Amino acid sequence: MKNLIAELLLKLAEKEEESKELVVQVEALEIVVTALLRKLEPEQLKGITLGIENAMAPATEPETSPDALLLRNYVEKLLNHPRI
């Protein structure tokens, strides 16, 4: 029983480490994308934003994914209120 608990704790620790790595990767991508967006001309940014909104429309319908609203809100935040 102790071995099983120890094994489960090790697996949990591994999953937590993987989760932390994914968070860091996402934050790094957010910083890079924000920096790129800030270098664009307003018309370019508007075109990209429109393209993203059009591409996301089918993917963010509530029946498509339970996380659709979360995804839409995050992309909107990234495009309209990027990290400073």
PDB file of N, CA and C in Angstrom:
ATOM      1  N   MET A   1       0.827  -1.196   0.000  1.00  0.00           N
ATOM      2  CA  MET A   1       0.000   0.000   0.000  1.00  0.00           C
ATOM      3  C   MET A   1       0.868   1.256   0.000  1.00  0.00           C
ATOM      4  N   LYS A   2       1.952   1.224   0.813  1.00  0.00           N
ATOM      5  CA  LYS A   2       2.855   2.380   0.861  1.00  0.00           C
ATOM      6  C   LYS A   2       3.490   2.625  -0.501  1.00  0.00           C
ATOM      7  N   ASN A   3       3.833   1.529  -1.196  1.00  0.00           N
ATOM      8  CA  ASN A   3       4.433   1.666  -2.526  1.00  0.00           C
ATOM      9  C   ASN A   3       3.458   2.300  -3.509  1.00  0.00           C
ATOM     10  N   LEU A   4       2.206   1.908  -3.414  1.00  0.00           N
ATOM     11  CA  LEU A   4       1.185   2.469  -4.293  1.00  0.00           C
ATOM     12  C   LEU A   4       1.034   3.959  -4.040  1.00  0.00           C
ATOM     13  N   ILE A   5       0.973   4.356  -2.788  1.00  0.00           N
ATOM     14  CA  ILE A   5       0.838   5.778  -2.433  1.00  0.00           C
ATOM     15  C   ILE A   5       2.066   6.550  -2.905  1.00  0.00           C
ATOM     16  N   ALA A   6       3.251   5.970  -2.683  1.00  0.00           N
ATOM     17  CA  ALA A   6       4.486   6.629  -3.119  1.00  0.00           C
ATOM     18  C   ALA A   6       4.501   6.791  -4.637  1.00  0.00           C
ATOM     19  N   GLU A   7       4.070   5.772  -5.349  1.00  0.00           N
ATOM     20  CA  GLU A   7       4.014   5.834  -6.806  1.00  0.00           C
ATOM     21  C   GLU A   7       3.019   6.888  -7.284  1.00  0.00           C
ATOM     22  N   LEU A   8       1.880   6.942  -6.643  1.00  0.00           N
ATOM     23  CA  LEU A   8       0.882   7.954  -6.996  1.00  0.00           C
ATOM     24  C   LEU A   8       1.393   9.368  -6.722  1.00  0.00           C
ATOM     25  N   LEU A   9       2.099   9.542  -5.622  1.00  0.00           N
ATOM     26  CA  LEU A   9       2.674  10.853  -5.313  1.00  0.00           C
ATOM     27  C   LEU A   9       3.727  11.257  -6.335  1.00  0.00           C
ATOM     28  N   LEU A  10       4.516  10.300  -6.783  1.00  0.00           N
ATOM     29  CA  LEU A  10       5.516  10.589  -7.819  1.00  0.00           C
ATOM     30  C   LEU A  10       4.855  10.992  -9.130  1.00  0.00           C
ATOM     31  N   LYS A  11       3.807  10.272  -9.499  1.00  0.00           N
ATOM     32  CA  LYS A  11       3.087  10.609 -10.728  1.00  0.00           C
ATOM     33  C   LYS A  11       2.437  11.980 -10.619  1.00  0.00           C
ATOM     34  N   LEU A  12       1.892  12.283  -9.466  1.00  0.00           N
ATOM     35  CA  LEU A  12       1.291  13.592  -9.242  1.00  0.00           C
ATOM     36  C   LEU A  12       2.340  14.692  -9.356  1.00  0.00           C
ATOM     37  N   ALA A  13       3.501  14.475  -8.800  1.00  0.00           N
ATOM     38  CA  ALA A  13       4.588  15.452  -8.881  1.00  0.00           C
ATOM     39  C   ALA A  13       5.025  15.659 -10.337  1.00  0.00           C
ATOM     40  N   GLU A  14       5.085  14.572 -11.107  1.00  0.00           N
ATOM     41  CA  GLU A  14       5.444  14.666 -12.520  1.00  0.00           C
ATOM     42  C   GLU A  14       4.404  15.479 -13.281  1.00  0.00           C
ATOM     43  N   LYS A  15       3.144  15.220 -13.019  1.00  0.00           N
ATOM     44  CA  LYS A  15       2.069  15.955 -13.693  1.00  0.00           C
ATOM     45  C   LYS A  15       2.117  17.433 -13.332  1.00  0.00           C
ATOM     46  N   GLU A  16       2.398  17.726 -12.086  1.00  0.00           N
ATOM     47  CA  GLU A  16       2.492  19.118 -11.653  1.00  0.00           C
ATOM     48  C   GLU A  16       3.648  19.819 -12.362  1.00  0.00           C
ATOM     49  N   GLU A  17       4.758  19.139 -12.519  1.00  0.00           N
ATOM     50  CA  GLU A  17       5.911  19.703 -13.218  1.00  0.00           C
ATOM     51  C   GLU A  17       5.582  19.963 -14.682  1.00  0.00           C
ATOM     52  N   GLU A  18       4.887  19.012 -15.315  1.00  0.00           N
ATOM     53  CA  GLU A  18       4.462  19.189 -16.704  1.00  0.00           C
ATOM     54  C   GLU A  18       3.513  20.373 -16.824  1.00  0.00           C
ATOM     55  N   SER A  19       2.625  20.514 -15.871  1.00  0.00           N
ATOM     56  CA  SER A  19       1.674  21.618 -15.876  1.00  0.00           C
ATOM     57  C   SER A  19       2.397  22.960 -15.755  1.00  0.00           C
ATOM     58  N   LYS A  20       3.374  23.026 -14.869  1.00  0.00           N
ATOM     59  CA  LYS A  20       4.145  24.262 -14.707  1.00  0.00           C
ATOM     60  C   LYS A  20       4.878  24.607 -15.998  1.00  0.00           C
ATOM     61  N   GLU A  21       5.428  23.594 -16.650  1.00  0.00           N
ATOM     62  CA  GLU A  21       6.141  23.824 -17.908  1.00  0.00           C
ATOM     63  C   GLU A  21       5.194  24.368 -18.972  1.00  0.00           C
ATOM     64  N   LEU A  22       3.991  23.830 -19.042  1.00  0.00           N
ATOM     65  CA  LEU A  22       3.011  24.322 -20.013  1.00  0.00           C
ATOM     66  C   LEU A  22       2.616  25.763 -19.724  1.00  0.00           C
ATOM     67  N   VAL A  23       2.471  26.111 -18.459  1.00  0.00           N
ATOM     68  CA  VAL A  23       2.131  27.485 -18.089  1.00  0.00           C
ATOM     69  C   VAL A  23       3.237  28.428 -18.541  1.00  0.00           C
ATOM     70  N   VAL A  24       4.479  28.041 -18.331  1.00  0.00           N
ATOM     71  CA  VAL A  24       5.609  28.874 -18.742  1.00  0.00           C
ATOM     72  C   VAL A  24       5.638  29.018 -20.264  1.00  0.00           C
ATOM     73  N   GLN A  25       5.378  27.934 -20.980  1.00  0.00           N
ATOM     74  CA  GLN A  25       5.350  27.994 -22.441  1.00  0.00           C
ATOM     75  C   GLN A  25       4.264  28.942 -22.932  1.00  0.00           C
ATOM     76  N   VAL A  26       3.087  28.862 -22.340  1.00  0.00           N
ATOM     77  CA  VAL A  26       1.976  29.729 -22.741  1.00  0.00           C
ATOM     78  C   VAL A  26       2.311  31.190 -22.441  1.00  0.00           C
ATOM     79  N   GLU A  27       2.894  31.456 -21.288  1.00  0.00           N
ATOM     80  CA  GLU A  27       3.262  32.823 -20.951  1.00  0.00           C
ATOM     81  C   GLU A  27       4.319  33.360 -21.912  1.00  0.00           C
ATOM     82  N   ALA A  28       5.280  32.517 -22.291  1.00  0.00           N
ATOM     83  CA  ALA A  28       6.304  32.940 -23.240  1.00  0.00           C
ATOM     84  C   ALA A  28       5.673  33.272 -24.593  1.00  0.00           C
ATOM     85  N   LEU A  29       4.766  32.428 -25.043  1.00  0.00           N
ATOM     86  CA  LEU A  29       4.078  32.691 -26.308  1.00  0.00           C
ATOM     87  C   LEU A  29       3.256  33.967 -26.234  1.00  0.00           C
ATOM     88  N   GLU A  30       2.627  34.204 -25.107  1.00  0.00           N
ATOM     89  CA  GLU A  30       1.844  35.423 -24.938  1.00  0.00           C
ATOM     90  C   GLU A  30       2.734  36.657 -25.050  1.00  0.00           C
ATOM     91  N   ILE A  31       3.899  36.607 -24.454  1.00  0.00           N
ATOM     92  CA  ILE A  31       4.838  37.732 -24.523  1.00  0.00           C
ATOM     93  C   ILE A  31       5.299  37.964 -25.960  1.00  0.00           C
ATOM     94  N   VAL A  32       5.639  36.883 -26.662  1.00  0.00           N
ATOM     95  CA  VAL A  32       6.111  37.003 -28.039  1.00  0.00           C
ATOM     96  C   VAL A  32       5.003  37.545 -28.942  1.00  0.00           C
ATOM     97  N   VAL A  33       3.802  36.990 -28.824  1.00  0.00           N
ATOM     98  CA  VAL A  33       2.689  37.442 -29.663  1.00  0.00           C
ATOM     99  C   VAL A  33       2.367  38.903 -29.377  1.00  0.00           C
ATOM    100  N   THR A  34       2.367  39.289 -28.126  1.00  0.00           N
ATOM    101  CA  THR A  34       2.098  40.676 -27.759  1.00  0.00           C
ATOM    102  C   THR A  34       3.135  41.610 -28.382  1.00  0.00           C
ATOM    103  N   ALA A  35       4.395  41.231 -28.296  1.00  0.00           N
ATOM    104  CA  ALA A  35       5.452  42.058 -28.882  1.00  0.00           C
ATOM    105  C   ALA A  35       5.268  42.185 -30.390  1.00  0.00           C
ATOM    106  N   LEU A  36       4.906  41.091 -31.049  1.00  0.00           N
ATOM    107  CA  LEU A  36       4.676  41.132 -32.490  1.00  0.00           C
ATOM    108  C   LEU A  36       3.475  42.014 -32.842  1.00  0.00           C
ATOM    109  N   LEU A  37       2.398  41.868 -32.093  1.00  0.00           N
ATOM    110  CA  LEU A  37       1.206  42.667 -32.364  1.00  0.00           C
ATOM    111  C   LEU A  37       1.467  44.157 -32.200  1.00  0.00           C
ATOM    112  N   ARG A  38       2.281  44.515 -31.239  1.00  0.00           N
ATOM    113  CA  ARG A  38       2.581  45.927 -30.996  1.00  0.00           C
ATOM    114  C   ARG A  38       3.393  46.561 -32.117  1.00  0.00           C
ATOM    115  N   LYS A  39       4.088  45.744 -32.903  1.00  0.00           N
ATOM    116  CA  LYS A  39       4.903  46.259 -34.001  1.00  0.00           C
ATOM    117  C   LYS A  39       4.095  46.463 -35.285  1.00  0.00           C
ATOM    118  N   LEU A  40       2.870  45.980 -35.304  1.00  0.00           N
ATOM    119  CA  LEU A  40       2.050  46.079 -36.510  1.00  0.00           C
ATOM    120  C   LEU A  40       1.435  47.460 -36.672  1.00  0.00           C
ATOM    121  N   GLU A  41       1.204  47.797 -37.907  1.00  0.00           N
ATOM    122  CA  GLU A  41       0.434  49.003 -38.217  1.00  0.00           C
ATOM    123  C   GLU A  41      -1.023  48.741 -37.823  1.00  0.00           C
ATOM    124  N   PRO A  42      -1.771  49.788 -37.477  1.00  0.00           N
ATOM    125  CA  PRO A  42      -3.166  49.581 -37.058  1.00  0.00           C
ATOM    126  C   PRO A  42      -4.014  48.794 -38.061  1.00  0.00           C
ATOM    127  N   GLU A  43      -3.825  49.045 -39.346  1.00  0.00           N
ATOM    128  CA  GLU A  43      -4.614  48.327 -40.356  1.00  0.00           C
ATOM    129  C   GLU A  43      -4.233  46.845 -40.398  1.00  0.00           C
ATOM    130  N   GLN A  44      -2.949  46.548 -40.221  1.00  0.00           N
ATOM    131  CA  GLN A  44      -2.513  45.151 -40.189  1.00  0.00           C
ATOM    132  C   GLN A  44      -3.114  44.437 -38.983  1.00  0.00           C
ATOM    133  N   LEU A  45      -3.075  45.088 -37.839  1.00  0.00           N
ATOM    134  CA  LEU A  45      -3.635  44.506 -36.629  1.00  0.00           C
ATOM    135  C   LEU A  45      -5.134  44.259 -36.780  1.00  0.00           C
ATOM    136  N   LYS A  46      -5.810  45.226 -37.390  1.00  0.00           N
ATOM    137  CA  LYS A  46      -7.252  45.073 -37.616  1.00  0.00           C
ATOM    138  C   LYS A  46      -7.533  43.879 -38.524  1.00  0.00           C
ATOM    139  N   GLY A  47      -6.742  43.711 -39.579  1.00  0.00           N
ATOM    140  CA  GLY A  47      -6.918  42.587 -40.496  1.00  0.00           C
ATOM    141  C   GLY A  47      -6.667  41.254 -39.813  1.00  0.00           C
ATOM    142  N   ILE A  48      -5.619  41.193 -39.012  1.00  0.00           N
ATOM    143  CA  ILE A  48      -5.312  39.961 -38.284  1.00  0.00           C
ATOM    144  C   ILE A  48      -6.419  39.643 -37.285  1.00  0.00           C
ATOM    145  N   THR A  49      -6.868  40.660 -36.563  1.00  0.00           N
ATOM    146  CA  THR A  49      -7.938  40.469 -35.584  1.00  0.00           C
ATOM    147  C   THR A  49      -9.198  39.936 -36.260  1.00  0.00           C
ATOM    148  N   LEU A  50      -9.553  40.507 -37.396  1.00  0.00           N
ATOM    149  CA  LEU A  50     -10.737  40.055 -38.130  1.00  0.00           C
ATOM    150  C   LEU A  50     -10.564  38.613 -38.594  1.00  0.00           C
ATOM    151  N   GLY A  51      -9.380  38.282 -39.100  1.00  0.00           N
ATOM    152  CA  GLY A  51      -9.113  36.915 -39.538  1.00  0.00           C
ATOM    153  C   GLY A  51      -9.224  35.915 -38.391  1.00  0.00           C
ATOM    154  N   ILE A  52      -8.697  36.288 -37.231  1.00  0.00           N
ATOM    155  CA  ILE A  52      -8.777  35.412 -36.067  1.00  0.00           C
ATOM    156  C   ILE A  52     -10.225  35.240 -35.625  1.00  0.00           C
ATOM    157  N   GLU A  53     -10.979  36.336 -35.591  1.00  0.00           N
ATOM    158  CA  GLU A  53     -12.385  36.254 -35.198  1.00  0.00           C
ATOM    159  C   GLU A  53     -13.169  35.359 -36.146  1.00  0.00           C
ATOM    160  N   ASN A  54     -12.908  35.469 -37.438  1.00  0.00           N
ATOM    161  CA  ASN A  54     -13.598  34.624 -38.413  1.00  0.00           C
ATOM    162  C   ASN A  54     -13.217  33.153 -38.237  1.00  0.00           C
ATOM    163  N   ALA A  55     -11.951  32.903 -37.993  1.00  0.00           N
ATOM    164  CA  ALA A  55     -11.491  31.520 -37.817  1.00  0.00           C
ATOM    165  C   ALA A  55     -12.024  30.913 -36.520  1.00  0.00           C
ATOM    166  N   MET A  56     -12.190  31.739 -35.512  1.00  0.00           N
ATOM    167  CA  MET A  56     -12.635  31.237 -34.213  1.00  0.00           C
ATOM    168  C   MET A  56     -14.136  31.041 -34.121  1.00  0.00           C
ATOM    169  N   ALA A  57     -14.887  31.690 -34.975  1.00  0.00           N
ATOM    170  CA  ALA A  57     -16.347  31.633 -34.871  1.00  0.00           C
ATOM    171  C   ALA A  57     -16.877  30.200 -34.738  1.00  0.00           C
ATOM    172  N   PRO A  58     -16.525  29.297 -35.640  1.00  0.00           N
ATOM    173  CA  PRO A  58     -17.062  27.932 -35.477  1.00  0.00           C
ATOM    174  C   PRO A  58     -16.457  27.180 -34.288  1.00  0.00           C
ATOM    175  N   ALA A  59     -15.233  27.502 -33.933  1.00  0.00           N
ATOM    176  CA  ALA A  59     -14.558  26.773 -32.855  1.00  0.00           C
ATOM    177  C   ALA A  59     -15.018  27.212 -31.468  1.00  0.00           C
ATOM    178  N   THR A  60     -15.649  28.357 -31.380  1.00  0.00           N
ATOM    179  CA  THR A  60     -16.031  28.861 -30.057  1.00  0.00           C
ATOM    180  C   THR A  60     -17.533  28.852 -29.819  1.00  0.00           C
ATOM    181  N   GLU A  61     -18.243  28.053 -30.593  1.00  0.00           N
ATOM    182  CA  GLU A  61     -19.665  27.888 -30.312  1.00  0.00           C
ATOM    183  C   GLU A  61     -19.799  26.977 -29.100  1.00  0.00           C
ATOM    184  N   PRO A  62     -20.663  27.319 -28.162  1.00  0.00           N
ATOM    185  CA  PRO A  62     -20.768  26.559 -26.908  1.00  0.00           C
ATOM    186  C   PRO A  62     -20.952  25.056 -27.084  1.00  0.00           C
ATOM    187  N   GLU A  63     -21.683  24.643 -28.110  1.00  0.00           N
ATOM    188  CA  GLU A  63     -21.895  23.209 -28.276  1.00  0.00           C
ATOM    189  C   GLU A  63     -20.655  22.505 -28.836  1.00  0.00           C
ATOM    190  N   THR A  64     -19.725  23.261 -29.414  1.00  0.00           N
ATOM    191  CA  THR A  64     -18.496  22.683 -29.958  1.00  0.00           C
ATOM    192  C   THR A  64     -17.533  22.298 -28.851  1.00  0.00           C
ATOM    193  N   SER A  65     -17.428  23.161 -27.844  1.00  0.00           N
ATOM    194  CA  SER A  65     -16.472  22.924 -26.772  1.00  0.00           C
ATOM    195  C   SER A  65     -16.988  23.554 -25.486  1.00  0.00           C
ATOM    196  N   PRO A  66     -16.834  22.849 -24.386  1.00  0.00           N
ATOM    197  CA  PRO A  66     -17.278  23.440 -23.115  1.00  0.00           C
ATOM    198  C   PRO A  66     -16.403  24.627 -22.698  1.00  0.00           C
ATOM    199  N   ASP A  67     -15.202  24.709 -23.258  1.00  0.00           N
ATOM    200  CA  ASP A  67     -14.296  25.813 -22.930  1.00  0.00           C
ATOM    201  C   ASP A  67     -14.337  26.925 -23.969  1.00  0.00           C
ATOM    202  N   ALA A  68     -15.343  26.933 -24.815  1.00  0.00           N
ATOM    203  CA  ALA A  68     -15.421  27.897 -25.906  1.00  0.00           C
ATOM    204  C   ALA A  68     -15.410  29.334 -25.405  1.00  0.00           C
ATOM    205  N   LEU A  69     -16.178  29.623 -24.382  1.00  0.00           N
ATOM    206  CA  LEU A  69     -16.231  30.996 -23.865  1.00  0.00           C
ATOM    207  C   LEU A  69     -14.888  31.395 -23.272  1.00  0.00           C
ATOM    208  N   LEU A  70     -14.260  30.504 -22.572  1.00  0.00           N
ATOM    209  CA  LEU A  70     -12.945  30.773 -21.992  1.00  0.00           C
ATOM    210  C   LEU A  70     -11.931  31.069 -23.099  1.00  0.00           C
ATOM    211  N   LEU A  71     -11.946  30.268 -24.163  1.00  0.00           N
ATOM    212  CA  LEU A  71     -11.047  30.478 -25.294  1.00  0.00           C
ATOM    213  C   LEU A  71     -11.304  31.825 -25.949  1.00  0.00           C
ATOM    214  N   ARG A  72     -12.554  32.116 -26.216  1.00  0.00           N
ATOM    215  CA  ARG A  72     -12.904  33.392 -26.854  1.00  0.00           C
ATOM    216  C   ARG A  72     -12.454  34.570 -25.997  1.00  0.00           C
ATOM    217  N   ASN A  73     -12.716  34.512 -24.708  1.00  0.00           N
ATOM    218  CA  ASN A  73     -12.335  35.611 -23.815  1.00  0.00           C
ATOM    219  C   ASN A  73     -10.826  35.802 -23.769  1.00  0.00           C
ATOM    220  N   TYR A  74     -10.090  34.701 -23.751  1.00  0.00           N
ATOM    221  CA  TYR A  74      -8.642  34.811 -23.676  1.00  0.00           C
ATOM    222  C   TYR A  74      -8.069  35.399 -24.958  1.00  0.00           C
ATOM    223  N   VAL A  75      -8.553  34.955 -26.110  1.00  0.00           N
ATOM    224  CA  VAL A  75      -8.064  35.494 -27.383  1.00  0.00           C
ATOM    225  C   VAL A  75      -8.415  36.972 -27.487  1.00  0.00           C
ATOM    226  N   GLU A  76      -9.619  37.329 -27.079  1.00  0.00           N
ATOM    227  CA  GLU A  76     -10.020  38.740 -27.107  1.00  0.00           C
ATOM    228  C   GLU A  76      -9.113  39.580 -26.207  1.00  0.00           C
ATOM    229  N   LYS A  77      -8.817  39.064 -25.046  1.00  0.00           N
ATOM    230  CA  LYS A  77      -7.919  39.769 -24.123  1.00  0.00           C
ATOM    231  C   LYS A  77      -6.536  39.944 -24.752  1.00  0.00           C
ATOM    232  N   LEU A  78      -6.052  38.908 -25.384  1.00  0.00           N
ATOM    233  CA  LEU A  78      -4.732  38.959 -26.000  1.00  0.00           C
ATOM    234  C   LEU A  78      -4.684  39.974 -27.134  1.00  0.00           C
ATOM    235  N   LEU A  79      -5.733  40.035 -27.922  1.00  0.00           N
ATOM    236  CA  LEU A  79      -5.757  40.947 -29.053  1.00  0.00           C
ATOM    237  C   LEU A  79      -6.064  42.391 -28.652  1.00  0.00           C
ATOM    238  N   ASN A  80      -6.963  42.570 -27.692  1.00  0.00           N
ATOM    239  CA  ASN A  80      -7.415  43.919 -27.368  1.00  0.00           C
ATOM    240  C   ASN A  80      -6.769  44.529 -26.131  1.00  0.00           C
ATOM    241  N   HIS A  81      -6.311  43.702 -25.225  1.00  0.00           N
ATOM    242  CA  HIS A  81      -5.714  44.187 -23.984  1.00  0.00           C
ATOM    243  C   HIS A  81      -4.461  43.374 -23.683  1.00  0.00           C
ATOM    244  N   PRO A  82      -3.443  43.483 -24.546  1.00  0.00           N
ATOM    245  CA  PRO A  82      -2.274  42.632 -24.348  1.00  0.00           C
ATOM    246  C   PRO A  82      -1.496  42.981 -23.079  1.00  0.00           C
ATOM    247  N   ARG A  83      -0.748  42.024 -22.654  1.00  0.00           N
ATOM    248  CA  ARG A  83       0.112  42.169 -21.481  1.00  0.00           C
ATOM    249  C   ARG A  83       1.119  43.297 -21.725  1.00  0.00           C
ATOM    250  N   ILE A  84       1.385  44.050 -20.697  1.00  0.00           N
ATOM    251  CA  ILE A  84       2.331  45.172 -20.829  1.00  0.00           C
ATOM    252  C   ILE A  84       3.727  44.714 -20.488  1.00  0.00           C
TER     253      ILE A  84
END
